Amino acid sequence: MATQHAASPEWSQENVRRQLESAQGADGAAAQVFFDDQVAADQLVAALGRAMREAQARLGVAAEVKVGRISVLAKSVSVQGSPQILAELLNSADVCAVLPCEVADIYPKPGDPHPVG
């Protein structure tokens, strides 16, 4: 039996959108889209396509999104494109998380840095 965890407020749709917008380059923002356990591994691209069409329809915009690496084990797909569209993917029933590919400072900082030698 899988345990449902509450999502961190840090990864709310609005915060994800802000992070994607601040990290976007010439080709748009880069993100990793994670899918629900109910999505079969061989259906990731089809689920992403559905989620993209739904997101574009909800926002009323058509934006190109490039699909990158597909990770069957993680049930995720890397994408690059409009930050608004990528953040809107969070509203898809098949998507459980959208995380920016560039996450600032995920490692702990040393408590007492001092020179070695």
PDB file of N, CA and C in Angstrom:
ATOM      1  N   MET A   1       0.846  -1.181   0.000  1.00  0.00           N
ATOM      2  CA  MET A   1       0.000   0.000   0.000  1.00  0.00           C
ATOM      3  C   MET A   1       0.886   1.237   0.000  1.00  0.00           C
ATOM      4  N   ALA A   2       0.703   2.098  -0.985  1.00  0.00           N
ATOM      5  CA  ALA A   2       1.511   3.313  -1.105  1.00  0.00           C
ATOM      6  C   ALA A   2       0.999   4.376  -0.144  1.00  0.00           C
ATOM      7  N   THR A   3       1.922   5.109   0.437  1.00  0.00           N
ATOM      8  CA  THR A   3       1.572   6.181   1.354  1.00  0.00           C
ATOM      9  C   THR A   3       1.569   7.490   0.598  1.00  0.00           C
ATOM     10  N   GLN A   4       0.501   8.255   0.738  1.00  0.00           N
ATOM     11  CA  GLN A   4       0.431   9.568   0.105  1.00  0.00           C
ATOM     12  C   GLN A   4       1.073  10.590   1.034  1.00  0.00           C
ATOM     13  N   HIS A   5       2.001  11.379   0.483  1.00  0.00           N
ATOM     14  CA  HIS A   5       2.652  12.426   1.251  1.00  0.00           C
ATOM     15  C   HIS A   5       2.158  13.774   0.772  1.00  0.00           C
ATOM     16  N   ALA A   6       2.000  14.696   1.690  1.00  0.00           N
ATOM     17  CA  ALA A   6       1.604  16.041   1.303  1.00  0.00           C
ATOM     18  C   ALA A   6       2.766  16.718   0.590  1.00  0.00           C
ATOM     19  N   ALA A   7       2.458  17.406  -0.487  1.00  0.00           N
ATOM     20  CA  ALA A   7       3.498  18.106  -1.240  1.00  0.00           C
ATOM     21  C   ALA A   7       3.999  19.290  -0.440  1.00  0.00           C
ATOM     22  N   SER A   8       5.277  19.539  -0.547  1.00  0.00           N
ATOM     23  CA  SER A   8       5.874  20.692   0.116  1.00  0.00           C
ATOM     24  C   SER A   8       5.344  21.968  -0.520  1.00  0.00           C
ATOM     25  N   PRO A   9       5.031  22.986   0.279  1.00  0.00           N
ATOM     26  CA  PRO A   9       4.580  24.262  -0.284  1.00  0.00           C
ATOM     27  C   PRO A   9       5.635  24.874  -1.205  1.00  0.00           C
ATOM     28  N   GLU A  10       6.885  24.496  -1.015  1.00  0.00           N
ATOM     29  CA  GLU A  10       7.967  25.001  -1.865  1.00  0.00           C
ATOM     30  C   GLU A  10       7.759  24.586  -3.314  1.00  0.00           C
ATOM     31  N   TRP A  11       7.049  23.474  -3.533  1.00  0.00           N
ATOM     32  CA  TRP A  11       6.839  22.967  -4.889  1.00  0.00           C
ATOM     33  C   TRP A  11       5.409  23.169  -5.358  1.00  0.00           C
ATOM     34  N   SER A  12       4.744  24.208  -4.850  1.00  0.00           N
ATOM     35  CA  SER A  12       3.404  24.542  -5.323  1.00  0.00           C
ATOM     36  C   SER A  12       3.495  25.010  -6.772  1.00  0.00           C
ATOM     37  N   GLN A  13       2.362  25.021  -7.451  1.00  0.00           N
ATOM     38  CA  GLN A  13       2.355  25.395  -8.864  1.00  0.00           C
ATOM     39  C   GLN A  13       2.946  26.791  -9.065  1.00  0.00           C
ATOM     40  N   GLU A  14       2.579  27.737  -8.222  1.00  0.00           N
ATOM     41  CA  GLU A  14       3.082  29.105  -8.383  1.00  0.00           C
ATOM     42  C   GLU A  14       4.588  29.183  -8.141  1.00  0.00           C
ATOM     43  N   ASN A  15       5.090  28.485  -7.137  1.00  0.00           N
ATOM     44  CA  ASN A  15       6.535  28.485  -6.878  1.00  0.00           C
ATOM     45  C   ASN A  15       7.304  27.786  -7.995  1.00  0.00           C
ATOM     46  N   VAL A  16       6.762  26.699  -8.506  1.00  0.00           N
ATOM     47  CA  VAL A  16       7.410  26.009  -9.630  1.00  0.00           C
ATOM     48  C   VAL A  16       7.460  26.945 -10.832  1.00  0.00           C
ATOM     49  N   ARG A  17       6.346  27.638 -11.113  1.00  0.00           N
ATOM     50  CA  ARG A  17       6.308  28.562 -12.248  1.00  0.00           C
ATOM     51  C   ARG A  17       7.367  29.655 -12.076  1.00  0.00           C
ATOM     52  N   ARG A  18       7.479  30.223 -10.873  1.00  0.00           N
ATOM     53  CA  ARG A  18       8.480  31.271 -10.620  1.00  0.00           C
ATOM     54  C   ARG A  18       9.895  30.746 -10.829  1.00  0.00           C
ATOM     55  N   GLN A  19      10.165  29.550 -10.324  1.00  0.00           N
ATOM     56  CA  GLN A  19      11.506  28.982 -10.486  1.00  0.00           C
ATOM     57  C   GLN A  19      11.805  28.683 -11.945  1.00  0.00           C
ATOM     58  N   LEU A  20      10.819  28.184 -12.678  1.00  0.00           N
ATOM     59  CA  LEU A  20      11.020  27.910 -14.099  1.00  0.00           C
ATOM     60  C   LEU A  20      11.283  29.205 -14.871  1.00  0.00           C
ATOM     61  N   GLU A  21      10.530  30.250 -14.558  1.00  0.00           N
ATOM     62  CA  GLU A  21      10.721  31.522 -15.241  1.00  0.00           C
ATOM     63  C   GLU A  21      12.090  32.122 -14.951  1.00  0.00           C
ATOM     64  N   SER A  22      12.551  31.993 -13.716  1.00  0.00           N
ATOM     65  CA  SER A  22      13.849  32.581 -13.361  1.00  0.00           C
ATOM     66  C   SER A  22      15.023  31.788 -13.930  1.00  0.00           C
ATOM     67  N   ALA A  23      14.805  30.522 -14.243  1.00  0.00           N
ATOM     68  CA  ALA A  23      15.899  29.686 -14.746  1.00  0.00           C
ATOM     69  C   ALA A  23      15.847  29.478 -16.250  1.00  0.00           C
ATOM     70  N   GLN A  24      14.883  30.090 -16.931  1.00  0.00           N
ATOM     71  CA  GLN A  24      14.740  29.799 -18.355  1.00  0.00           C
ATOM     72  C   GLN A  24      15.847  30.434 -19.186  1.00  0.00           C
ATOM     73  N   GLY A  25      16.188  29.738 -20.257  1.00  0.00           N
ATOM     74  CA  GLY A  25      17.201  30.211 -21.190  1.00  0.00           C
ATOM     75  C   GLY A  25      16.559  30.548 -22.522  1.00  0.00           C
ATOM     76  N   ALA A  26      17.364  30.558 -23.562  1.00  0.00           N
ATOM     77  CA  ALA A  26      16.882  30.907 -24.901  1.00  0.00           C
ATOM     78  C   ALA A  26      15.815  29.934 -25.406  1.00  0.00           C
ATOM     79  N   ASP A  27      15.894  28.665 -25.019  1.00  0.00           N
ATOM     80  CA  ASP A  27      14.925  27.658 -25.465  1.00  0.00           C
ATOM     81  C   ASP A  27      13.790  27.448 -24.483  1.00  0.00           C
ATOM     82  N   GLY A  28      13.648  28.320 -23.523  1.00  0.00           N
ATOM     83  CA  GLY A  28      12.600  28.180 -22.519  1.00  0.00           C
ATOM     84  C   GLY A  28      13.141  27.555 -21.253  1.00  0.00           C
ATOM     85  N   ALA A  29      12.242  27.160 -20.390  1.00  0.00           N
ATOM     86  CA  ALA A  29      12.612  26.554 -19.112  1.00  0.00           C
ATOM     87  C   ALA A  29      12.767  25.048 -19.277  1.00  0.00           C
ATOM     88  N   ALA A  30      13.575  24.455 -18.415  1.00  0.00           N
ATOM     89  CA  ALA A  30      13.777  23.006 -18.422  1.00  0.00           C
ATOM     90  C   ALA A  30      13.211  22.428 -17.135  1.00  0.00           C
ATOM     91  N   ALA A  31      12.470  21.338 -17.272  1.00  0.00           N
ATOM     92  CA  ALA A  31      11.848  20.715 -16.104  1.00  0.00           C
ATOM     93  C   ALA A  31      11.821  19.208 -16.270  1.00  0.00           C
ATOM     94  N   GLN A  32      11.603  18.546 -15.147  1.00  0.00           N
ATOM     95  CA  GLN A  32      11.416  17.100 -15.115  1.00  0.00           C
ATOM     96  C   GLN A  32       9.967  16.873 -14.691  1.00  0.00           C
ATOM     97  N   VAL A  33       9.210  16.147 -15.511  1.00  0.00           N
ATOM     98  CA  VAL A  33       7.810  15.864 -15.231  1.00  0.00           C
ATOM     99  C   VAL A  33       7.712  14.427 -14.741  1.00  0.00           C
ATOM    100  N   PHE A  34       7.180  14.253 -13.530  1.00  0.00           N
ATOM    101  CA  PHE A  34       7.027  12.931 -12.923  1.00  0.00           C
ATOM    102  C   PHE A  34       5.563  12.512 -12.994  1.00  0.00           C
ATOM    103  N   PHE A  35       5.350  11.261 -13.377  1.00  0.00           N
ATOM    104  CA  PHE A  35       3.993  10.768 -13.570  1.00  0.00           C
ATOM    105  C   PHE A  35       3.542   9.877 -12.426  1.00  0.00           C
ATOM    106  N   ASP A  36       2.230   9.808 -12.266  1.00  0.00           N
ATOM    107  CA  ASP A  36       1.578   8.991 -11.257  1.00  0.00           C
ATOM    108  C   ASP A  36       1.883   7.515 -11.492  1.00  0.00           C
ATOM    109  N   ASP A  37       1.831   6.724 -10.433  1.00  0.00           N
ATOM    110  CA  ASP A  37       2.094   5.287 -10.534  1.00  0.00           C
ATOM    111  C   ASP A  37       1.115   4.573 -11.463  1.00  0.00           C
ATOM    112  N   GLN A  38      -0.069   5.149 -11.664  1.00  0.00           N
ATOM    113  CA  GLN A  38      -1.081   4.513 -12.510  1.00  0.00           C
ATOM    114  C   GLN A  38      -0.730   4.581 -13.998  1.00  0.00           C
ATOM    115  N   VAL A  39       0.220   5.451 -14.372  1.00  0.00           N
ATOM    116  CA  VAL A  39       0.631   5.566 -15.774  1.00  0.00           C
ATOM    117  C   VAL A  39       1.648   4.465 -16.064  1.00  0.00           C
ATOM    118  N   ALA A  40       1.347   3.642 -17.059  1.00  0.00           N
ATOM    119  CA  ALA A  40       2.261   2.557 -17.433  1.00  0.00           C
ATOM    120  C   ALA A  40       3.541   3.151 -18.015  1.00  0.00           C
ATOM    121  N   ALA A  41       4.655   2.487 -17.760  1.00  0.00           N
ATOM    122  CA  ALA A  41       5.961   2.972 -18.215  1.00  0.00           C
ATOM    123  C   ALA A  41       6.009   3.165 -19.725  1.00  0.00           C
ATOM    124  N   ASP A  42       5.335   2.314 -20.467  1.00  0.00           N
ATOM    125  CA  ASP A  42       5.361   2.450 -21.924  1.00  0.00           C
ATOM    126  C   ASP A  42       4.363   3.489 -22.431  1.00  0.00           C
ATOM    127  N   GLN A  43       3.661   4.145 -21.527  1.00  0.00           N
ATOM    128  CA  GLN A  43       2.675   5.166 -21.897  1.00  0.00           C
ATOM    129  C   GLN A  43       3.086   6.575 -21.473  1.00  0.00           C
ATOM    130  N   LEU A  44       4.353   6.759 -21.078  1.00  0.00           N
ATOM    131  CA  LEU A  44       4.799   8.065 -20.597  1.00  0.00           C
ATOM    132  C   LEU A  44       4.661   9.159 -21.659  1.00  0.00           C
ATOM    133  N   VAL A  45       5.080   8.872 -22.876  1.00  0.00           N
ATOM    134  CA  VAL A  45       5.008   9.888 -23.937  1.00  0.00           C
ATOM    135  C   VAL A  45       3.555  10.223 -24.263  1.00  0.00           C
ATOM    136  N   ALA A  46       2.695   9.222 -24.311  1.00  0.00           N
ATOM    137  CA  ALA A  46       1.274   9.467 -24.573  1.00  0.00           C
ATOM    138  C   ALA A  46       0.654  10.279 -23.444  1.00  0.00           C
ATOM    139  N   ALA A  47       1.003   9.969 -22.197  1.00  0.00           N
ATOM    140  CA  ALA A  47       0.482  10.720 -21.050  1.00  0.00           C
ATOM    141  C   ALA A  47       0.976  12.161 -21.083  1.00  0.00           C
ATOM    142  N   LEU A  48       2.234  12.364 -21.465  1.00  0.00           N
ATOM    143  CA  LEU A  48       2.770  13.721 -21.582  1.00  0.00           C
ATOM    144  C   LEU A  48       2.031  14.483 -22.673  1.00  0.00           C
ATOM    145  N   GLY A  49       1.772  13.834 -23.794  1.00  0.00           N
ATOM    146  CA  GLY A  49       1.038  14.480 -24.881  1.00  0.00           C
ATOM    147  C   GLY A  49      -0.346  14.931 -24.445  1.00  0.00           C
ATOM    148  N   ARG A  50      -1.057  14.057 -23.735  1.00  0.00           N
ATOM    149  CA  ARG A  50      -2.390  14.402 -23.215  1.00  0.00           C
ATOM    150  C   ARG A  50      -2.301  15.580 -22.257  1.00  0.00           C
ATOM    151  N   ALA A  51      -1.344  15.497 -21.323  1.00  0.00           N
ATOM    152  CA  ALA A  51      -1.185  16.552 -20.324  1.00  0.00           C
ATOM    153  C   ALA A  51      -0.842  17.891 -20.990  1.00  0.00           C
ATOM    154  N   MET A  52      -0.006  17.857 -22.036  1.00  0.00           N
ATOM    155  CA  MET A  52       0.369  19.077 -22.748  1.00  0.00           C
ATOM    156  C   MET A  52      -0.837  19.685 -23.456  1.00  0.00           C
ATOM    157  N   ARG A  53      -1.628  18.868 -24.142  1.00  0.00           N
ATOM    158  CA  ARG A  53      -2.820  19.375 -24.836  1.00  0.00           C
ATOM    159  C   ARG A  53      -3.798  19.995 -23.843  1.00  0.00           C
ATOM    160  N   GLU A  54      -3.980  19.317 -22.690  1.00  0.00           N
ATOM    161  CA  GLU A  54      -4.877  19.854 -21.664  1.00  0.00           C
ATOM    162  C   GLU A  54      -4.357  21.183 -21.119  1.00  0.00           C
ATOM    163  N   ALA A  55      -3.057  21.269 -20.848  1.00  0.00           N
ATOM    164  CA  ALA A  55      -2.454  22.492 -20.311  1.00  0.00           C
ATOM    165  C   ALA A  55      -2.593  23.638 -21.302  1.00  0.00           C
ATOM    166  N   GLN A  56      -2.329  23.366 -22.564  1.00  0.00           N
ATOM    167  CA  GLN A  56      -2.449  24.407 -23.587  1.00  0.00           C
ATOM    168  C   GLN A  56      -3.895  24.872 -23.721  1.00  0.00           C
ATOM    169  N   ALA A  57      -4.847  23.953 -23.649  1.00  0.00           N
ATOM    170  CA  ALA A  57      -6.265  24.308 -23.746  1.00  0.00           C
ATOM    171  C   ALA A  57      -6.696  25.152 -22.549  1.00  0.00           C
ATOM    172  N   ARG A  58      -6.256  24.775 -21.332  1.00  0.00           N
ATOM    173  CA  ARG A  58      -6.625  25.536 -20.139  1.00  0.00           C
ATOM    174  C   ARG A  58      -6.080  26.958 -20.186  1.00  0.00           C
ATOM    175  N   LEU A  59      -4.846  27.110 -20.693  1.00  0.00           N
ATOM    176  CA  LEU A  59      -4.225  28.430 -20.750  1.00  0.00           C
ATOM    177  C   LEU A  59      -4.595  29.197 -22.011  1.00  0.00           C
ATOM    178  N   GLY A  60      -5.124  28.502 -23.002  1.00  0.00           N
ATOM    179  CA  GLY A  60      -5.498  29.149 -24.246  1.00  0.00           C
ATOM    180  C   GLY A  60      -4.308  29.573 -25.093  1.00  0.00           C
ATOM    181  N   VAL A  61      -3.202  28.865 -24.963  1.00  0.00           N
ATOM    182  CA  VAL A  61      -2.007  29.171 -25.760  1.00  0.00           C
ATOM    183  C   VAL A  61      -1.462  27.878 -26.365  1.00  0.00           C
ATOM    184  N   ALA A  62      -0.796  28.050 -27.484  1.00  0.00           N
ATOM    185  CA  ALA A  62      -0.107  26.917 -28.107  1.00  0.00           C
ATOM    186  C   ALA A  62       1.379  27.222 -28.031  1.00  0.00           C
ATOM    187  N   ALA A  63       2.114  26.392 -27.348  1.00  0.00           N
ATOM    188  CA  ALA A  63       3.552  26.606 -27.187  1.00  0.00           C
ATOM    189  C   ALA A  63       4.277  25.297 -27.447  1.00  0.00           C
ATOM    190  N   GLU A  64       5.399  25.388 -28.128  1.00  0.00           N
ATOM    191  CA  GLU A  64       6.188  24.200 -28.416  1.00  0.00           C
ATOM    192  C   GLU A  64       6.946  23.762 -27.175  1.00  0.00           C
ATOM    193  N   VAL A  65       6.916  22.484 -26.923  1.00  0.00           N
ATOM    194  CA  VAL A  65       7.666  21.907 -25.809  1.00  0.00           C
ATOM    195  C   VAL A  65       8.503  20.767 -26.364  1.00  0.00           C
ATOM    196  N   LYS A  66       9.792  20.797 -26.076  1.00  0.00           N
ATOM    197  CA  LYS A  66      10.694  19.753 -26.541  1.00  0.00           C
ATOM    198  C   LYS A  66      10.784  18.658 -25.493  1.00  0.00           C
ATOM    199  N   VAL A  67      10.703  17.429 -25.942  1.00  0.00           N
ATOM    200  CA  VAL A  67      10.810  16.277 -25.054  1.00  0.00           C
ATOM    201  C   VAL A  67      12.252  15.795 -25.083  1.00  0.00           C
ATOM    202  N   GLY A  68      12.824  15.573 -23.910  1.00  0.00           N
ATOM    203  CA  GLY A  68      14.190  15.093 -23.807  1.00  0.00           C
ATOM    204  C   GLY A  68      14.230  13.647 -23.356  1.00  0.00           C
ATOM    205  N   ARG A  69      15.004  13.397 -22.323  1.00  0.00           N
ATOM    206  CA  ARG A  69      15.230  12.048 -21.810  1.00  0.00           C
ATOM    207  C   ARG A  69      13.980  11.498 -21.128  1.00  0.00           C
ATOM    208  N   ILE A  70      13.686  10.254 -21.412  1.00  0.00           N
ATOM    209  CA  ILE A  70      12.567   9.553 -20.777  1.00  0.00           C
ATOM    210  C   ILE A  70      13.149   8.530 -19.826  1.00  0.00           C
ATOM    211  N   SER A  71      12.768   8.619 -18.561  1.00  0.00           N
ATOM    212  CA  SER A  71      13.246   7.685 -17.552  1.00  0.00           C
ATOM    213  C   SER A  71      12.098   6.769 -17.136  1.00  0.00           C
ATOM    214  N   VAL A  72      12.162   5.535 -17.598  1.00  0.00           N
ATOM    215  CA  VAL A  72      11.101   4.574 -17.309  1.00  0.00           C
ATOM    216  C   VAL A  72      11.066   4.236 -15.814  1.00  0.00           C
ATOM    217  N   LEU A  73      12.229   4.060 -15.208  1.00  0.00           N
ATOM    218  CA  LEU A  73      12.266   3.706 -13.783  1.00  0.00           C
ATOM    219  C   LEU A  73      11.709   4.811 -12.895  1.00  0.00           C
ATOM    220  N   ALA A  74      12.037   6.058 -13.209  1.00  0.00           N
ATOM    221  CA  ALA A  74      11.552   7.187 -12.408  1.00  0.00           C
ATOM    222  C   ALA A  74      10.175   7.656 -12.855  1.00  0.00           C
ATOM    223  N   LYS A  75       9.676   7.081 -13.959  1.00  0.00           N
ATOM    224  CA  LYS A  75       8.412   7.517 -14.566  1.00  0.00           C
ATOM    225  C   LYS A  75       8.421   9.021 -14.756  1.00  0.00           C
ATOM    226  N   SER A  76       9.472   9.486 -15.448  1.00  0.00           N
ATOM    227  CA  SER A  76       9.598  10.915 -15.679  1.00  0.00           C
ATOM    228  C   SER A  76      10.099  11.195 -17.087  1.00  0.00           C
ATOM    229  N   VAL A  77       9.849  12.421 -17.512  1.00  0.00           N
ATOM    230  CA  VAL A  77      10.280  12.890 -18.820  1.00  0.00           C
ATOM    231  C   VAL A  77      10.856  14.285 -18.638  1.00  0.00           C
ATOM    232  N   SER A  78      12.015  14.539 -19.239  1.00  0.00           N
ATOM    233  CA  SER A  78      12.555  15.894 -19.198  1.00  0.00           C
ATOM    234  C   SER A  78      11.975  16.661 -20.376  1.00  0.00           C
ATOM    235  N   VAL A  79      11.602  17.905 -20.110  1.00  0.00           N
ATOM    236  CA  VAL A  79      10.975  18.754 -21.119  1.00  0.00           C
ATOM    237  C   VAL A  79      11.589  20.141 -21.075  1.00  0.00           C
ATOM    238  N   GLN A  80      11.428  20.875 -22.175  1.00  0.00           N
ATOM    239  CA  GLN A  80      11.923  22.240 -22.244  1.00  0.00           C
ATOM    240  C   GLN A  80      10.929  23.052 -23.040  1.00  0.00           C
ATOM    241  N   GLY A  81      10.549  24.224 -22.506  1.00  0.00           N
ATOM    242  CA  GLY A  81       9.587  25.068 -23.199  1.00  0.00           C
ATOM    243  C   GLY A  81       9.063  26.168 -22.315  1.00  0.00           C
ATOM    244  N   SER A  82       7.837  26.578 -22.573  1.00  0.00           N
ATOM    245  CA  SER A  82       7.192  27.674 -21.862  1.00  0.00           C
ATOM    246  C   SER A  82       7.025  27.359 -20.378  1.00  0.00           C
ATOM    247  N   PRO A  83       7.508  28.245 -19.494  1.00  0.00           N
ATOM    248  CA  PRO A  83       7.350  28.011 -18.048  1.00  0.00           C
ATOM    249  C   PRO A  83       5.892  27.892 -17.624  1.00  0.00           C
ATOM    250  N   GLN A  84       5.010  28.661 -18.255  1.00  0.00           N
ATOM    251  CA  GLN A  84       3.594  28.622 -17.892  1.00  0.00           C
ATOM    252  C   GLN A  84       2.993  27.255 -18.237  1.00  0.00           C
ATOM    253  N   ILE A  85       3.316  26.752 -19.426  1.00  0.00           N
ATOM    254  CA  ILE A  85       2.796  25.446 -19.836  1.00  0.00           C
ATOM    255  C   ILE A  85       3.356  24.352 -18.933  1.00  0.00           C
ATOM    256  N   LEU A  86       4.664  24.401 -18.663  1.00  0.00           N
ATOM    257  CA  LEU A  86       5.289  23.371 -17.828  1.00  0.00           C
ATOM    258  C   LEU A  86       4.686  23.370 -16.422  1.00  0.00           C
ATOM    259  N   ALA A  87       4.471  24.535 -15.846  1.00  0.00           N
ATOM    260  CA  ALA A  87       3.870  24.601 -14.511  1.00  0.00           C
ATOM    261  C   ALA A  87       2.419  24.137 -14.541  1.00  0.00           C
ATOM    262  N   GLU A  88       1.723  24.408 -15.625  1.00  0.00           N
ATOM    263  CA  GLU A  88       0.319  24.005 -15.756  1.00  0.00           C
ATOM    264  C   GLU A  88       0.165  22.483 -15.811  1.00  0.00           C
ATOM    265  N   LEU A  89       1.228  21.777 -16.151  1.00  0.00           N
ATOM    266  CA  LEU A  89       1.176  20.309 -16.170  1.00  0.00           C
ATOM    267  C   LEU A  89       0.832  19.737 -14.802  1.00  0.00           C
ATOM    268  N   LEU A  90       1.078  20.509 -13.735  1.00  0.00           N
ATOM    269  CA  LEU A  90       0.742  20.046 -12.387  1.00  0.00           C
ATOM    270  C   LEU A  90      -0.756  19.788 -12.226  1.00  0.00           C
ATOM    271  N   ASN A  91      -1.580  20.384 -13.076  1.00  0.00           N
ATOM    272  CA  ASN A  91      -3.028  20.195 -12.987  1.00  0.00           C
ATOM    273  C   ASN A  91      -3.511  18.943 -13.708  1.00  0.00           C
ATOM    274  N   SER A  92      -2.609  18.208 -14.331  1.00  0.00           N
ATOM    275  CA  SER A  92      -2.984  16.972 -15.014  1.00  0.00           C
ATOM    276  C   SER A  92      -3.145  15.842 -14.000  1.00  0.00           C
ATOM    277  N   ALA A  93      -4.151  15.013 -14.203  1.00  0.00           N
ATOM    278  CA  ALA A  93      -4.382  13.879 -13.301  1.00  0.00           C
ATOM    279  C   ALA A  93      -3.244  12.873 -13.360  1.00  0.00           C
ATOM    280  N   ASP A  94      -2.544  12.799 -14.498  1.00  0.00           N
ATOM    281  CA  ASP A  94      -1.462  11.833 -14.666  1.00  0.00           C
ATOM    282  C   ASP A  94      -0.128  12.300 -14.090  1.00  0.00           C
ATOM    283  N   VAL A  95       0.000  13.591 -13.822  1.00  0.00           N
ATOM    284  CA  VAL A  95       1.267  14.170 -13.365  1.00  0.00           C
ATOM    285  C   VAL A  95       1.240  14.325 -11.847  1.00  0.00           C
ATOM    286  N   CYS A  96       2.306  13.830 -11.190  1.00  0.00           N
ATOM    287  CA  CYS A  96       2.363  13.986  -9.733  1.00  0.00           C
ATOM    288  C   CYS A  96       3.332  15.094  -9.314  1.00  0.00           C
ATOM    289  N   ALA A  97       4.283  15.476 -10.185  1.00  0.00           N
ATOM    290  CA  ALA A  97       5.213  16.552  -9.841  1.00  0.00           C
ATOM    291  C   ALA A  97       5.879  17.104 -11.086  1.00  0.00           C
ATOM    292  N   VAL A  98       6.191  18.388 -11.029  1.00  0.00           N
ATOM    293  CA  VAL A  98       7.009  19.052 -12.046  1.00  0.00           C
ATOM    294  C   VAL A  98       8.083  19.796 -11.279  1.00  0.00           C
ATOM    295  N   LEU A  99       9.322  19.442 -11.550  1.00  0.00           N
ATOM    296  CA  LEU A  99      10.433  20.075 -10.840  1.00  0.00           C
ATOM    297  C   LEU A  99      11.381  20.717 -11.841  1.00  0.00           C
ATOM    298  N   PRO A 100      11.842  21.933 -11.552  1.00  0.00           N
ATOM    299  CA  PRO A 100      12.819  22.564 -12.436  1.00  0.00           C
ATOM    300  C   PRO A 100      14.087  21.721 -12.510  1.00  0.00           C
ATOM    301  N   CYS A 101      14.702  21.679 -13.671  1.00  0.00           N
ATOM    302  CA  CYS A 101      15.956  20.920 -13.811  1.00  0.00           C
ATOM    303  C   CYS A 101      17.094  21.608 -13.075  1.00  0.00           C
ATOM    304  N   GLU A 102      17.017  22.923 -12.968  1.00  0.00           N
ATOM    305  CA  GLU A 102      18.035  23.665 -12.234  1.00  0.00           C
ATOM    306  C   GLU A 102      17.468  24.037 -10.875  1.00  0.00           C
ATOM    307  N   VAL A 103      17.897  23.335  -9.850  1.00  0.00           N
ATOM    308  CA  VAL A 103      17.461  23.611  -8.488  1.00  0.00           C
ATOM    309  C   VAL A 103      18.633  24.237  -7.755  1.00  0.00           C
ATOM    310  N   ALA A 104      18.412  25.431  -7.247  1.00  0.00           N
ATOM    311  CA  ALA A 104      19.495  26.148  -6.580  1.00  0.00           C
ATOM    312  C   ALA A 104      19.825  25.503  -5.241  1.00  0.00           C
ATOM    313  N   ASP A 105      21.081  25.155  -5.079  1.00  0.00           N
ATOM    314  CA  ASP A 105      21.631  24.751  -3.800  1.00  0.00           C
ATOM    315  C   ASP A 105      20.874  23.620  -3.109  1.00  0.00           C
ATOM    316  N   ILE A 106      21.061  22.413  -3.585  1.00  0.00           N
ATOM    317  CA  ILE A 106      20.398  21.270  -2.952  1.00  0.00           C
ATOM    318  C   ILE A 106      21.293  20.549  -1.954  1.00  0.00           C
ATOM    319  N   TYR A 107      22.545  20.971  -1.899  1.00  0.00           N
ATOM    320  CA  TYR A 107      23.483  20.316  -0.991  1.00  0.00           C
ATOM    321  C   TYR A 107      23.602  21.100   0.309  1.00  0.00           C
ATOM    322  N   PRO A 108      23.827  20.418   1.426  1.00  0.00           N
ATOM    323  CA  PRO A 108      24.003  21.143   2.692  1.00  0.00           C
ATOM    324  C   PRO A 108      25.319  21.917   2.689  1.00  0.00           C
ATOM    325  N   LYS A 109      25.305  23.025   3.376  1.00  0.00           N
ATOM    326  CA  LYS A 109      26.509  23.837   3.493  1.00  0.00           C
ATOM    327  C   LYS A 109      27.323  23.344   4.689  1.00  0.00           C
ATOM    328  N   PRO A 110      28.661  23.407   4.600  1.00  0.00           N
ATOM    329  CA  PRO A 110      29.480  22.982   5.740  1.00  0.00           C
ATOM    330  C   PRO A 110      29.251  23.911   6.914  1.00  0.00           C
ATOM    331  N   GLY A 111      29.255  23.329   8.104  1.00  0.00           N
ATOM    332  CA  GLY A 111      29.005  24.108   9.314  1.00  0.00           C
ATOM    333  C   GLY A 111      30.182  24.950   9.756  1.00  0.00           C
ATOM    334  N   ASP A 112      31.391  24.436   9.601  1.00  0.00           N
ATOM    335  CA  ASP A 112      32.565  25.153  10.073  1.00  0.00           C
ATOM    336  C   ASP A 112      33.671  25.029   9.034  1.00  0.00           C
ATOM    337  N   PRO A 113      33.574  25.798   7.926  1.00  0.00           N
ATOM    338  CA  PRO A 113      34.607  25.668   6.904  1.00  0.00           C
ATOM    339  C   PRO A 113      35.942  26.257   7.370  1.00  0.00           C
ATOM    340  N   HIS A 114      37.009  25.552   7.100  1.00  0.00           N
ATOM    341  CA  HIS A 114      38.337  26.049   7.425  1.00  0.00           C
ATOM    342  C   HIS A 114      39.337  25.461   6.420  1.00  0.00           C
ATOM    343  N   PRO A 115      40.415  26.168   6.185  1.00  0.00           N
ATOM    344  CA  PRO A 115      41.389  25.690   5.203  1.00  0.00           C
ATOM    345  C   PRO A 115      42.027  24.367   5.633  1.00  0.00           C
ATOM    346  N   VAL A 116      42.307  23.544   4.660  1.00  0.00           N
ATOM    347  CA  VAL A 116      42.960  22.257   4.928  1.00  0.00           C
ATOM    348  C   VAL A 116      44.443  22.425   4.613  1.00  0.00           C
ATOM    349  N   GLY A 117      45.284  21.934   5.510  1.00  0.00           N
ATOM    350  CA  GLY A 117      46.707  21.935   5.193  1.00  0.00           C
ATOM    351  C   GLY A 117      47.574  22.609   6.155  1.00  0.00           C
TER     352      GLY A 117
END
